[in-house]
Amino acid sequence: MTSPSPPAKRPRTVDTSDEDTEPQRDESFWFEDGNIVVIAQQTAFRVHRGVLSRHSETFSGLFTLPRPAGGAYEEVIDTCPVVRVTDSPHDFKHLLHALYDGLGYMESVAEVEKYSMCASLARLGHKYELSSVFSAAMQRLRVIYTDDYEVWRTFWTTGGRSAKSLRNLYIPIEVANLFRTTEQRNLLPTVLFLCCLLPITDLLDGVRRADGTLEQLSREDLRRCLEARDTYHLKLAHFWAQPWRGQPNSPPRCIEWDRCARFIDTTRSFALDKPLRAPRNVFAATMTSDLLAKDARHAARICEACADRIADEARKLFEAQWDALPETMDLTDVVIDWRSAVSP
């Protein structure tokens, strides 16, 4: 006697899965007319296969799901086939915003979240071969992480110089690892320099991304940063200790040395007070020296000749450290055609 055939296998749905808990539907990207469900970790997005495939051959291949002999997809939600990706919901949602709302979406994100969003888009733009998304994200990241001297100088002149702003807005460890993955070698000197400015615990233990992923520097990049911190301590100490102070017998001639000396000695003592307590930012410090000199001149606490001398020496140090950045960060073997601060 022939035993009865087993019933046809039902497509696996979220309700019958015993491997994972039911994914949470994302309210912003759950379209009733969507024809595919993408699950990033435990967040489900019901979207349009054609919209994503139009922008990326990688997505097109990912969505070409084989059907079993029985004609049903292995996993479905609300009759839609399911594709699982390894990306975080945070990253994938930013990508969907860029694809559905256009790249102008990037300008609508709050400043405190903008660099995290750009890193997300660059990361997934590279992974899914979305060249326009990747380029747009990189363009914004280059406002800080750059190989252009004028962009770098503008950054330190106009903002972003405090440790708090670096910690809250700028995400150098995440971006350093991103640049390694995407082979943006000429941008490594500036991003690793910014890593040097992080608190030592963050530098050693790593920092969590907006999605909770822990980002840590590689052993070699960590070594580069620790060695560079010591180098910059010494460079700044030398800057304040050198005899450029506008002495009466040196050009430009100072005619009010007693007053100027008091200001310069006070400023030097402040700059060198417990110098190892925090990393010394040679670029911000030279800009600050320039501004201090200008403010002091306006307040009649220093003569014009000494103020000009301080500003000139600060500018020279800024330019010299820019030119030496690949060497200081031990990256001369990967950086190509680093552009000098002073064009030939």
C-alpha atoms as a PDB file:
ATOM      1  CA  MET A   1       0.000   0.000   0.000  1.00  0.00           C
ATOM      2  CA  THR A   2       1.370   3.304  -1.029  1.00  0.00           C
ATOM      3  CA  SER A   3       1.679   5.862   1.729  1.00  0.00           C
ATOM      4  CA  PRO A   4       0.055   9.240   1.093  1.00  0.00           C
ATOM      5  CA  SER A   5       2.277  11.971  -0.288  1.00  0.00           C
ATOM      6  CA  PRO A   6       3.342  14.576   2.257  1.00  0.00           C
ATOM      7  CA  PRO A   7       1.615  17.918   1.947  1.00  0.00           C
ATOM      8  CA  ALA A   8       3.355  20.543  -0.171  1.00  0.00           C
ATOM      9  CA  LYS A   9       5.831  22.611   1.792  1.00  0.00           C
ATOM     10  CA  ARG A  10       4.422  26.002   2.726  1.00  0.00           C
ATOM     11  CA  PRO A  11       6.546  29.075   2.041  1.00  0.00           C
ATOM     12  CA  ARG A  12       8.300  30.143   5.219  1.00  0.00           C
ATOM     13  CA  THR A  13       6.770  33.325   6.605  1.00  0.00           C
ATOM     14  CA  VAL A  14       7.760  35.550   9.486  1.00  0.00           C
ATOM     15  CA  ASP A  15       5.045  34.002  11.667  1.00  0.00           C
ATOM     16  CA  THR A  16       6.318  30.447  11.205  1.00  0.00           C
ATOM     17  CA  SER A  17      10.014  31.147  11.502  1.00  0.00           C
ATOM     18  CA  ASP A  18      11.546  29.634  14.563  1.00  0.00           C
ATOM     19  CA  GLU A  19      15.039  30.924  13.780  1.00  0.00           C
ATOM     20  CA  ASP A  20      14.540  34.619  14.369  1.00  0.00           C
ATOM     21  CA  THR A  21      12.110  36.844  16.132  1.00  0.00           C
ATOM     22  CA  GLU A  22       9.635  38.667  13.938  1.00  0.00           C
ATOM     23  CA  PRO A  23      11.300  41.662  12.260  1.00  0.00           C
ATOM     24  CA  GLN A  24      10.039  45.139  13.007  1.00  0.00           C
ATOM     25  CA  ARG A  25       8.495  46.932  10.047  1.00  0.00           C
ATOM     26  CA  ASP A  26       9.999  50.311   9.269  1.00  0.00           C
ATOM     27  CA  GLU A  27       7.151  52.805   9.036  1.00  0.00           C
ATOM     28  CA  SER A  28       8.960  55.155   6.650  1.00  0.00           C
ATOM     29  CA  PHE A  29       9.718  52.463   4.094  1.00  0.00           C
ATOM     30  CA  TRP A  30       6.802  50.052   4.151  1.00  0.00           C
ATOM     31  CA  PHE A  31       4.976  50.644   0.886  1.00  0.00           C
ATOM     32  CA  GLU A  32       1.709  48.790   0.371  1.00  0.00           C
ATOM     33  CA  ASP A  33       2.536  48.445  -3.317  1.00  0.00           C
ATOM     34  CA  GLY A  34       6.101  47.346  -2.594  1.00  0.00           C
ATOM     35  CA  ASN A  35       7.048  44.036  -4.181  1.00  0.00           C
ATOM     36  CA  ILE A  36      10.058  42.950  -2.151  1.00  0.00           C
ATOM     37  CA  VAL A  37      10.952  42.983   1.542  1.00  0.00           C
ATOM     38  CA  VAL A  38      14.532  43.687   2.551  1.00  0.00           C
ATOM     39  CA  ILE A  39      15.457  42.736   6.105  1.00  0.00           C
ATOM     40  CA  ALA A  40      18.472  44.424   7.658  1.00  0.00           C
ATOM     41  CA  GLN A  41      19.149  42.676  10.943  1.00  0.00           C
ATOM     42  CA  GLN A  42      15.656  42.734  12.486  1.00  0.00           C
ATOM     43  CA  THR A  43      14.168  45.680  10.577  1.00  0.00           C
ATOM     44  CA  ALA A  44      12.016  45.021   7.507  1.00  0.00           C
ATOM     45  CA  PHE A  45      11.628  47.431   4.582  1.00  0.00           C
ATOM     46  CA  ARG A  46       8.921  46.804   1.976  1.00  0.00           C
ATOM     47  CA  VAL A  47      10.205  48.542  -1.119  1.00  0.00           C
ATOM     48  CA  HIS A  48      10.108  48.414  -4.904  1.00  0.00           C
ATOM     49  CA  ARG A  49      12.465  46.036  -6.612  1.00  0.00           C
ATOM     50  CA  GLY A  50      12.617  48.233  -9.718  1.00  0.00           C
ATOM     51  CA  VAL A  51      13.605  51.382  -7.817  1.00  0.00           C
ATOM     52  CA  LEU A  52      16.618  49.742  -6.213  1.00  0.00           C
ATOM     53  CA  SER A  53      17.597  47.651  -9.238  1.00  0.00           C
ATOM     54  CA  ARG A  54      17.478  50.720 -11.490  1.00  0.00           C
ATOM     55  CA  HIS A  55      20.367  52.257  -9.574  1.00  0.00           C
ATOM     56  CA  SER A  56      22.494  49.190  -8.944  1.00  0.00           C
ATOM     57  CA  GLU A  57      23.342  46.005 -10.798  1.00  0.00           C
ATOM     58  CA  THR A  58      24.310  44.572  -7.438  1.00  0.00           C
ATOM     59  CA  PHE A  59      20.757  45.040  -6.208  1.00  0.00           C
ATOM     60  CA  SER A  60      19.430  43.662  -9.480  1.00  0.00           C
ATOM     61  CA  GLY A  61      21.412  40.479  -8.976  1.00  0.00           C
ATOM     62  CA  LEU A  62      20.480  40.296  -5.310  1.00  0.00           C
ATOM     63  CA  PHE A  63      16.784  40.480  -6.140  1.00  0.00           C
ATOM     64  CA  THR A  64      16.930  37.742  -8.769  1.00  0.00           C
ATOM     65  CA  LEU A  65      15.661  35.099  -6.399  1.00  0.00           C
ATOM     66  CA  PRO A  66      15.420  31.493  -7.543  1.00  0.00           C
ATOM     67  CA  ARG A  67      12.055  29.800  -7.141  1.00  0.00           C
ATOM     68  CA  PRO A  68      11.964  26.238  -5.823  1.00  0.00           C
ATOM     69  CA  ALA A  69      10.292  23.540  -7.911  1.00  0.00           C
ATOM     70  CA  GLY A  70       7.038  24.104  -6.055  1.00  0.00           C
ATOM     71  CA  GLY A  71       6.837  27.649  -7.351  1.00  0.00           C
ATOM     72  CA  ALA A  72       7.012  29.450  -4.003  1.00  0.00           C
ATOM     73  CA  TYR A  73       9.798  31.586  -2.576  1.00  0.00           C
ATOM     74  CA  GLU A  74      11.513  30.209   0.497  1.00  0.00           C
ATOM     75  CA  GLU A  75      10.597  33.204   2.652  1.00  0.00           C
ATOM     76  CA  VAL A  76       7.781  35.690   2.093  1.00  0.00           C
ATOM     77  CA  ILE A  77       6.116  38.488   4.004  1.00  0.00           C
ATOM     78  CA  ASP A  78       2.711  39.725   2.842  1.00  0.00           C
ATOM     79  CA  THR A  79       3.196  37.762  -0.413  1.00  0.00           C
ATOM     80  CA  CYS A  80       6.512  39.589  -1.078  1.00  0.00           C
ATOM     81  CA  PRO A  81       9.771  37.647  -1.387  1.00  0.00           C
ATOM     82  CA  VAL A  82      12.296  38.416   1.327  1.00  0.00           C
ATOM     83  CA  VAL A  83      15.958  39.312   0.896  1.00  0.00           C
ATOM     84  CA  ARG A  84      18.214  39.575   3.933  1.00  0.00           C
ATOM     85  CA  VAL A  85      21.227  41.882   3.965  1.00  0.00           C
ATOM     86  CA  THR A  86      24.030  42.187   6.478  1.00  0.00           C
ATOM     87  CA  ASP A  87      23.829  45.986   6.727  1.00  0.00           C
ATOM     88  CA  SER A  88      22.562  47.774   9.802  1.00  0.00           C
ATOM     89  CA  PRO A  89      19.028  49.245   9.641  1.00  0.00           C
ATOM     90  CA  HIS A  90      20.577  52.667  10.289  1.00  0.00           C
ATOM     91  CA  ASP A  91      22.783  52.452   7.192  1.00  0.00           C
ATOM     92  CA  PHE A  92      20.181  50.844   4.953  1.00  0.00           C
ATOM     93  CA  LYS A  93      17.507  53.396   5.832  1.00  0.00           C
ATOM     94  CA  HIS A  94      19.843  56.263   4.928  1.00  0.00           C
ATOM     95  CA  LEU A  95      20.462  54.529   1.596  1.00  0.00           C
ATOM     96  CA  LEU A  96      16.736  54.174   0.923  1.00  0.00           C
ATOM     97  CA  HIS A  97      16.237  57.871   1.672  1.00  0.00           C
ATOM     98  CA  ALA A  98      18.927  58.739  -0.876  1.00  0.00           C
ATOM     99  CA  LEU A  99      17.390  56.464  -3.533  1.00  0.00           C
ATOM    100  CA  TYR A 100      13.756  57.449  -2.976  1.00  0.00           C
ATOM    101  CA  ASP A 101      14.132  61.103  -1.962  1.00  0.00           C
ATOM    102  CA  GLY A 102      17.168  61.993  -4.060  1.00  0.00           C
ATOM    103  CA  LEU A 103      20.616  63.100  -2.982  1.00  0.00           C
ATOM    104  CA  GLY A 104      19.161  66.404  -1.787  1.00  0.00           C
ATOM    105  CA  TYR A 105      18.048  64.403   1.241  1.00  0.00           C
ATOM    106  CA  MET A 106      21.590  64.734   2.532  1.00  0.00           C
ATOM    107  CA  GLU A 107      21.090  68.450   3.111  1.00  0.00           C
ATOM    108  CA  SER A 108      18.002  67.868   5.270  1.00  0.00           C
ATOM    109  CA  VAL A 109      19.842  65.848   7.909  1.00  0.00           C
ATOM    110  CA  ALA A 110      20.698  67.642  11.150  1.00  0.00           C
ATOM    111  CA  GLU A 111      24.312  68.805  11.401  1.00  0.00           C
ATOM    112  CA  VAL A 112      25.026  66.552  14.362  1.00  0.00           C
ATOM    113  CA  GLU A 113      24.036  63.516  12.251  1.00  0.00           C
ATOM    114  CA  LYS A 114      25.400  64.599   8.878  1.00  0.00           C
ATOM    115  CA  TYR A 115      28.840  63.010   8.986  1.00  0.00           C
ATOM    116  CA  SER A 116      27.476  59.727  10.295  1.00  0.00           C
ATOM    117  CA  MET A 117      24.937  59.759   7.458  1.00  0.00           C
ATOM    118  CA  CYS A 118      27.653  60.483   4.883  1.00  0.00           C
ATOM    119  CA  ALA A 119      29.738  57.591   6.190  1.00  0.00           C
ATOM    120  CA  SER A 120      26.705  55.291   5.931  1.00  0.00           C
ATOM    121  CA  LEU A 121      26.022  56.333   2.346  1.00  0.00           C
ATOM    122  CA  ALA A 122      29.665  56.056   1.313  1.00  0.00           C
ATOM    123  CA  ARG A 123      29.886  52.615   2.893  1.00  0.00           C
ATOM    124  CA  LEU A 124      26.781  51.233   1.160  1.00  0.00           C
ATOM    125  CA  GLY A 125      27.347  53.239  -2.010  1.00  0.00           C
ATOM    126  CA  HIS A 126      30.657  51.431  -2.348  1.00  0.00           C
ATOM    127  CA  LYS A 127      29.224  48.031  -1.394  1.00  0.00           C
ATOM    128  CA  TYR A 128      26.284  48.176  -3.820  1.00  0.00           C
ATOM    129  CA  GLU A 129      28.199  50.015  -6.569  1.00  0.00           C
ATOM    130  CA  LEU A 130      26.038  53.119  -6.416  1.00  0.00           C
ATOM    131  CA  SER A 131      28.556  55.561  -7.856  1.00  0.00           C
ATOM    132  CA  SER A 132      26.390  58.686  -7.563  1.00  0.00           C
ATOM    133  CA  VAL A 133      25.588  57.991  -3.912  1.00  0.00           C
ATOM    134  CA  PHE A 134      29.205  57.215  -3.089  1.00  0.00           C
ATOM    135  CA  SER A 135      30.486  60.347  -4.853  1.00  0.00           C
ATOM    136  CA  ALA A 136      27.950  62.637  -3.174  1.00  0.00           C
ATOM    137  CA  ALA A 137      28.764  61.262   0.269  1.00  0.00           C
ATOM    138  CA  MET A 138      32.506  61.520  -0.325  1.00  0.00           C
ATOM    139  CA  GLN A 139      32.168  65.107  -1.511  1.00  0.00           C
ATOM    140  CA  ARG A 140      30.706  66.074   1.859  1.00  0.00           C
ATOM    141  CA  LEU A 141      33.210  64.058   3.854  1.00  0.00           C
ATOM    142  CA  ARG A 142      35.999  65.852   1.989  1.00  0.00           C
ATOM    143  CA  VAL A 143      34.978  69.106   3.676  1.00  0.00           C
ATOM    144  CA  ILE A 144      36.893  67.747   6.677  1.00  0.00           C
ATOM    145  CA  TYR A 145      38.870  64.730   5.515  1.00  0.00           C
ATOM    146  CA  THR A 146      40.775  66.229   2.626  1.00  0.00           C
ATOM    147  CA  ASP A 147      44.022  66.283   0.691  1.00  0.00           C
ATOM    148  CA  ASP A 148      43.472  69.910  -0.357  1.00  0.00           C
ATOM    149  CA  TYR A 149      45.445  72.474   1.652  1.00  0.00           C
ATOM    150  CA  GLU A 150      42.971  75.331   1.176  1.00  0.00           C
ATOM    151  CA  VAL A 151      40.052  73.159   2.309  1.00  0.00           C
ATOM    152  CA  TRP A 152      42.040  72.070   5.370  1.00  0.00           C
ATOM    153  CA  ARG A 153      43.007  75.636   6.254  1.00  0.00           C
ATOM    154  CA  THR A 154      39.419  76.818   5.864  1.00  0.00           C
ATOM    155  CA  PHE A 155      38.218  74.040   8.153  1.00  0.00           C
ATOM    156  CA  TRP A 156      40.550  75.079  10.962  1.00  0.00           C
ATOM    157  CA  THR A 157      39.863  78.764  10.385  1.00  0.00           C
ATOM    158  CA  THR A 158      36.074  78.608  10.450  1.00  0.00           C
ATOM    159  CA  GLY A 159      35.191  75.857  12.915  1.00  0.00           C
ATOM    160  CA  GLY A 160      35.466  72.314  14.133  1.00  0.00           C
ATOM    161  CA  ARG A 161      38.496  73.014  16.290  1.00  0.00           C
ATOM    162  CA  SER A 162      37.324  71.969  19.744  1.00  0.00           C
ATOM    163  CA  ALA A 163      37.639  68.481  21.185  1.00  0.00           C
ATOM    164  CA  LYS A 164      33.895  68.502  21.903  1.00  0.00           C
ATOM    165  CA  SER A 165      32.950  69.216  18.306  1.00  0.00           C
ATOM    166  CA  LEU A 166      35.338  66.546  17.097  1.00  0.00           C
ATOM    167  CA  ARG A 167      33.795  64.022  19.472  1.00  0.00           C
ATOM    168  CA  ASN A 168      30.180  64.901  18.673  1.00  0.00           C
ATOM    169  CA  LEU A 169      30.287  65.641  14.957  1.00  0.00           C
ATOM    170  CA  TYR A 170      33.347  64.148  13.385  1.00  0.00           C
ATOM    171  CA  ILE A 171      33.826  60.406  13.352  1.00  0.00           C
ATOM    172  CA  PRO A 172      37.445  59.889  12.363  1.00  0.00           C
ATOM    173  CA  ILE A 173      37.878  56.236  13.390  1.00  0.00           C
ATOM    174  CA  GLU A 174      34.803  55.176  11.416  1.00  0.00           C
ATOM    175  CA  VAL A 175      35.920  57.266   8.452  1.00  0.00           C
ATOM    176  CA  ALA A 176      39.510  55.992   8.644  1.00  0.00           C
ATOM    177  CA  ASN A 177      38.258  52.422   8.340  1.00  0.00           C
ATOM    178  CA  LEU A 178      35.893  53.487   5.551  1.00  0.00           C
ATOM    179  CA  PHE A 179      38.771  55.063   3.625  1.00  0.00           C
ATOM    180  CA  ARG A 180      40.809  51.893   4.056  1.00  0.00           C
ATOM    181  CA  THR A 181      37.948  49.809   2.653  1.00  0.00           C
ATOM    182  CA  THR A 182      37.301  52.153  -0.272  1.00  0.00           C
ATOM    183  CA  GLU A 183      41.017  52.788  -0.927  1.00  0.00           C
ATOM    184  CA  GLN A 184      40.910  56.565  -0.436  1.00  0.00           C
ATOM    185  CA  ARG A 185      44.617  56.583   0.364  1.00  0.00           C
ATOM    186  CA  ASN A 186      45.300  60.299  -0.064  1.00  0.00           C
ATOM    187  CA  LEU A 187      42.665  61.122   2.541  1.00  0.00           C
ATOM    188  CA  LEU A 188      44.264  58.958   5.229  1.00  0.00           C
ATOM    189  CA  PRO A 189      46.731  61.579   6.571  1.00  0.00           C
ATOM    190  CA  THR A 190      44.028  64.036   7.625  1.00  0.00           C
ATOM    191  CA  VAL A 191      41.612  61.453   8.994  1.00  0.00           C
ATOM    192  CA  LEU A 192      44.320  59.753  11.055  1.00  0.00           C
ATOM    193  CA  PHE A 193      45.497  63.150  12.307  1.00  0.00           C
ATOM    194  CA  LEU A 194      41.962  63.777  13.546  1.00  0.00           C
ATOM    195  CA  CYS A 195      42.037  60.383  15.245  1.00  0.00           C
ATOM    196  CA  CYS A 196      45.054  61.673  17.189  1.00  0.00           C
ATOM    197  CA  LEU A 197      42.837  64.334  18.766  1.00  0.00           C
ATOM    198  CA  LEU A 198      40.412  61.850  20.291  1.00  0.00           C
ATOM    199  CA  PRO A 199      40.602  61.024  24.011  1.00  0.00           C
ATOM    200  CA  ILE A 200      43.115  58.250  24.560  1.00  0.00           C
ATOM    201  CA  THR A 201      40.412  55.820  25.755  1.00  0.00           C
ATOM    202  CA  ASP A 202      38.485  56.312  22.498  1.00  0.00           C
ATOM    203  CA  LEU A 203      41.648  55.873  20.492  1.00  0.00           C
ATOM    204  CA  LEU A 204      42.538  52.619  22.247  1.00  0.00           C
ATOM    205  CA  ASP A 205      39.082  51.099  22.791  1.00  0.00           C
ATOM    206  CA  GLY A 206      37.302  52.411  19.703  1.00  0.00           C
ATOM    207  CA  VAL A 207      34.102  54.382  19.220  1.00  0.00           C
ATOM    208  CA  ARG A 208      30.629  53.109  18.414  1.00  0.00           C
ATOM    209  CA  ARG A 209      28.929  54.186  15.216  1.00  0.00           C
ATOM    210  CA  ALA A 210      25.422  55.604  15.225  1.00  0.00           C
ATOM    211  CA  ASP A 211      24.101  52.069  14.672  1.00  0.00           C
ATOM    212  CA  GLY A 212      26.027  50.688  17.642  1.00  0.00           C
ATOM    213  CA  THR A 213      28.794  48.978  15.679  1.00  0.00           C
ATOM    214  CA  LEU A 214      32.170  49.310  17.393  1.00  0.00           C
ATOM    215  CA  GLU A 215      34.812  50.902  15.180  1.00  0.00           C
ATOM    216  CA  GLN A 216      38.453  50.388  16.129  1.00  0.00           C
ATOM    217  CA  LEU A 217      41.626  51.343  14.349  1.00  0.00           C
ATOM    218  CA  SER A 218      43.833  48.620  13.003  1.00  0.00           C
ATOM    219  CA  ARG A 219      46.939  47.900  15.045  1.00  0.00           C
ATOM    220  CA  GLU A 220      49.129  49.704  12.504  1.00  0.00           C
ATOM    221  CA  ASP A 221      46.929  52.799  12.327  1.00  0.00           C
ATOM    222  CA  LEU A 222      46.744  52.910  16.121  1.00  0.00           C
ATOM    223  CA  ARG A 223      50.550  52.832  16.240  1.00  0.00           C
ATOM    224  CA  ARG A 224      50.685  55.670  13.719  1.00  0.00           C
ATOM    225  CA  CYS A 225      48.385  57.816  15.848  1.00  0.00           C
ATOM    226  CA  LEU A 226      50.178  57.186  19.137  1.00  0.00           C
ATOM    227  CA  GLU A 227      53.556  58.031  17.624  1.00  0.00           C
ATOM    228  CA  ALA A 228      52.166  61.128  15.898  1.00  0.00           C
ATOM    229  CA  ARG A 229      50.681  62.440  19.166  1.00  0.00           C
ATOM    230  CA  ASP A 230      54.160  62.486  20.706  1.00  0.00           C
ATOM    231  CA  THR A 231      55.571  64.179  17.618  1.00  0.00           C
ATOM    232  CA  TYR A 232      52.996  66.969  17.727  1.00  0.00           C
ATOM    233  CA  HIS A 233      53.544  67.550  21.453  1.00  0.00           C
ATOM    234  CA  LEU A 234      57.192  68.238  20.698  1.00  0.00           C
ATOM    235  CA  LYS A 235      56.468  70.426  17.672  1.00  0.00           C
ATOM    236  CA  LEU A 236      54.180  72.714  19.656  1.00  0.00           C
ATOM    237  CA  ALA A 237      56.556  72.900  22.595  1.00  0.00           C
ATOM    238  CA  HIS A 238      59.309  73.927  20.182  1.00  0.00           C
ATOM    239  CA  PHE A 239      57.035  76.497  18.542  1.00  0.00           C
ATOM    240  CA  TRP A 240      56.450  78.309  21.831  1.00  0.00           C
ATOM    241  CA  ALA A 241      60.008  77.927  23.089  1.00  0.00           C
ATOM    242  CA  GLN A 242      61.828  79.245  20.026  1.00  0.00           C
ATOM    243  CA  PRO A 243      63.261  82.794  20.071  1.00  0.00           C
ATOM    244  CA  TRP A 244      60.923  84.342  17.495  1.00  0.00           C
ATOM    245  CA  ARG A 245      59.490  86.666  20.085  1.00  0.00           C
ATOM    246  CA  GLY A 246      60.311  89.941  18.356  1.00  0.00           C
ATOM    247  CA  GLN A 247      63.322  90.878  20.454  1.00  0.00           C
ATOM    248  CA  PRO A 248      64.490  94.503  20.189  1.00  0.00           C
ATOM    249  CA  ASN A 249      67.546  93.717  18.127  1.00  0.00           C
ATOM    250  CA  SER A 250      65.837  91.399  15.648  1.00  0.00           C
ATOM    251  CA  PRO A 251      63.681  92.318  12.657  1.00  0.00           C
ATOM    252  CA  PRO A 252      60.945  93.334  12.690  1.00  0.00           C
ATOM    253  CA  ARG A 253      62.083  95.721  15.413  1.00  0.00           C
ATOM    254  CA  CYS A 254      59.965  95.785  18.554  1.00  0.00           C
ATOM    255  CA  ILE A 255      59.746  99.204  20.215  1.00  0.00           C
ATOM    256  CA  GLU A 256      57.707  98.145  23.266  1.00  0.00           C
ATOM    257  CA  TRP A 257      59.445  94.969  24.331  1.00  0.00           C
ATOM    258  CA  ASP A 258      58.520  95.022  28.034  1.00  0.00           C
ATOM    259  CA  ARG A 259      54.810  95.029  27.243  1.00  0.00           C
ATOM    260  CA  CYS A 260      55.114  92.522  24.399  1.00  0.00           C
ATOM    261  CA  ALA A 261      57.291  90.179  26.473  1.00  0.00           C
ATOM    262  CA  ARG A 262      54.686  90.029  29.244  1.00  0.00           C
ATOM    263  CA  PHE A 263      51.968  89.011  26.787  1.00  0.00           C
ATOM    264  CA  ILE A 264      54.153  86.463  24.993  1.00  0.00           C
ATOM    265  CA  ASP A 265      55.436  84.887  28.222  1.00  0.00           C
ATOM    266  CA  THR A 266      51.901  84.618  29.606  1.00  0.00           C
ATOM    267  CA  THR A 267      50.651  83.046  26.387  1.00  0.00           C
ATOM    268  CA  ARG A 268      53.568  80.629  26.270  1.00  0.00           C
ATOM    269  CA  SER A 269      53.008  79.540  29.871  1.00  0.00           C
ATOM    270  CA  PHE A 270      49.339  78.910  29.136  1.00  0.00           C
ATOM    271  CA  ALA A 271      50.139  76.923  25.994  1.00  0.00           C
ATOM    272  CA  LEU A 272      52.750  74.761  27.694  1.00  0.00           C
ATOM    273  CA  ASP A 273      50.916  74.212  30.981  1.00  0.00           C
ATOM    274  CA  LYS A 274      50.675  70.458  31.540  1.00  0.00           C
ATOM    275  CA  PRO A 275      51.068  69.795  27.791  1.00  0.00           C
ATOM    276  CA  LEU A 276      50.556  66.047  28.070  1.00  0.00           C
ATOM    277  CA  ARG A 277      47.128  66.330  29.670  1.00  0.00           C
ATOM    278  CA  ALA A 278      45.477  66.393  26.236  1.00  0.00           C
ATOM    279  CA  PRO A 279      46.671  65.920  22.666  1.00  0.00           C
ATOM    280  CA  ARG A 280      48.017  69.112  21.185  1.00  0.00           C
ATOM    281  CA  ASN A 281      46.482  70.127  17.897  1.00  0.00           C
ATOM    282  CA  VAL A 282      49.238  71.804  15.931  1.00  0.00           C
ATOM    283  CA  PHE A 283      46.855  73.128  13.262  1.00  0.00           C
ATOM    284  CA  ALA A 284      44.299  74.590  15.669  1.00  0.00           C
ATOM    285  CA  ALA A 285      47.061  75.947  17.907  1.00  0.00           C
ATOM    286  CA  THR A 286      48.752  77.861  15.108  1.00  0.00           C
ATOM    287  CA  MET A 287      45.426  79.367  14.093  1.00  0.00           C
ATOM    288  CA  THR A 288      44.753  80.255  17.727  1.00  0.00           C
ATOM    289  CA  SER A 289      48.199  81.858  18.035  1.00  0.00           C
ATOM    290  CA  ASP A 290      47.442  84.008  15.018  1.00  0.00           C
ATOM    291  CA  LEU A 291      44.068  85.051  16.445  1.00  0.00           C
ATOM    292  CA  LEU A 292      45.542  85.716  19.902  1.00  0.00           C
ATOM    293  CA  ALA A 293      48.180  87.967  18.380  1.00  0.00           C
ATOM    294  CA  LYS A 294      45.603  89.920  16.381  1.00  0.00           C
ATOM    295  CA  ASP A 295      43.312  90.313  19.392  1.00  0.00           C
ATOM    296  CA  ALA A 296      46.228  91.415  21.572  1.00  0.00           C
ATOM    297  CA  ARG A 297      47.293  93.983  18.997  1.00  0.00           C
ATOM    298  CA  HIS A 298      43.785  95.439  18.911  1.00  0.00           C
ATOM    299  CA  ALA A 299      43.771  95.547  22.719  1.00  0.00           C
ATOM    300  CA  ALA A 300      47.179  97.289  22.734  1.00  0.00           C
ATOM    301  CA  ARG A 301      48.807  94.419  24.669  1.00  0.00           C
ATOM    302  CA  ILE A 302      51.382  93.757  21.951  1.00  0.00           C
ATOM    303  CA  CYS A 303      52.945  95.888  19.247  1.00  0.00           C
ATOM    304  CA  GLU A 304      52.170  95.471  15.578  1.00  0.00           C
ATOM    305  CA  ALA A 305      55.655  94.181  14.773  1.00  0.00           C
ATOM    306  CA  CYS A 306      55.438  91.343  17.325  1.00  0.00           C
ATOM    307  CA  ALA A 307      51.884  90.458  16.320  1.00  0.00           C
ATOM    308  CA  ASP A 308      52.950  90.198  12.691  1.00  0.00           C
ATOM    309  CA  ARG A 309      55.932  88.054  13.676  1.00  0.00           C
ATOM    310  CA  ILE A 310      53.730  85.625  15.637  1.00  0.00           C
ATOM    311  CA  ALA A 311      51.239  85.414  12.775  1.00  0.00           C
ATOM    312  CA  ASP A 312      54.021  84.800  10.265  1.00  0.00           C
ATOM    313  CA  GLU A 313      55.624  82.042  12.345  1.00  0.00           C
ATOM    314  CA  ALA A 314      52.232  80.435  12.981  1.00  0.00           C
ATOM    315  CA  ARG A 315      51.507  80.423   9.247  1.00  0.00           C
ATOM    316  CA  LYS A 316      54.886  78.857   8.498  1.00  0.00           C
ATOM    317  CA  LEU A 317      54.318  76.119  11.080  1.00  0.00           C
ATOM    318  CA  PHE A 318      50.823  75.399   9.741  1.00  0.00           C
ATOM    319  CA  GLU A 319      52.137  75.076   6.188  1.00  0.00           C
ATOM    320  CA  ALA A 320      55.157  73.012   7.219  1.00  0.00           C
ATOM    321  CA  GLN A 321      53.013  70.560   9.179  1.00  0.00           C
ATOM    322  CA  TRP A 322      50.610  70.211   6.273  1.00  0.00           C
ATOM    323  CA  ASP A 323      53.479  69.392   3.926  1.00  0.00           C
ATOM    324  CA  ALA A 324      54.884  66.885   6.442  1.00  0.00           C
ATOM    325  CA  LEU A 325      51.536  65.264   7.289  1.00  0.00           C
ATOM    326  CA  PRO A 326      51.985  62.050   5.241  1.00  0.00           C
ATOM    327  CA  GLU A 327      55.456  61.568   6.735  1.00  0.00           C
ATOM    328  CA  THR A 328      54.375  62.352  10.298  1.00  0.00           C
ATOM    329  CA  MET A 329      51.513  59.866  10.006  1.00  0.00           C
ATOM    330  CA  ASP A 330      53.865  57.287   8.427  1.00  0.00           C
ATOM    331  CA  LEU A 331      51.858  57.094   5.207  1.00  0.00           C
ATOM    332  CA  THR A 332      54.404  58.036   2.561  1.00  0.00           C
ATOM    333  CA  ASP A 333      54.205  54.529   1.110  1.00  0.00           C
ATOM    334  CA  VAL A 334      50.502  54.887   0.215  1.00  0.00           C
ATOM    335  CA  VAL A 335      50.002  58.623  -0.410  1.00  0.00           C
ATOM    336  CA  ILE A 336      50.631  59.761  -3.971  1.00  0.00           C
ATOM    337  CA  ASP A 337      51.397  63.334  -5.086  1.00  0.00           C
ATOM    338  CA  TRP A 338      50.610  65.099  -1.810  1.00  0.00           C
ATOM    339  CA  ARG A 339      49.990  68.729  -2.719  1.00  0.00           C
ATOM    340  CA  SER A 340      52.191  71.257  -0.961  1.00  0.00           C
ATOM    341  CA  ALA A 341      50.722  74.185   0.958  1.00  0.00           C
ATOM    342  CA  VAL A 342      52.634  76.548  -1.324  1.00  0.00           C
ATOM    343  CA  SER A 343      52.064  75.801  -4.984  1.00  0.00           C
ATOM    344  CA  PRO A 344      55.250  75.807  -7.085  1.00  0.00           C
END
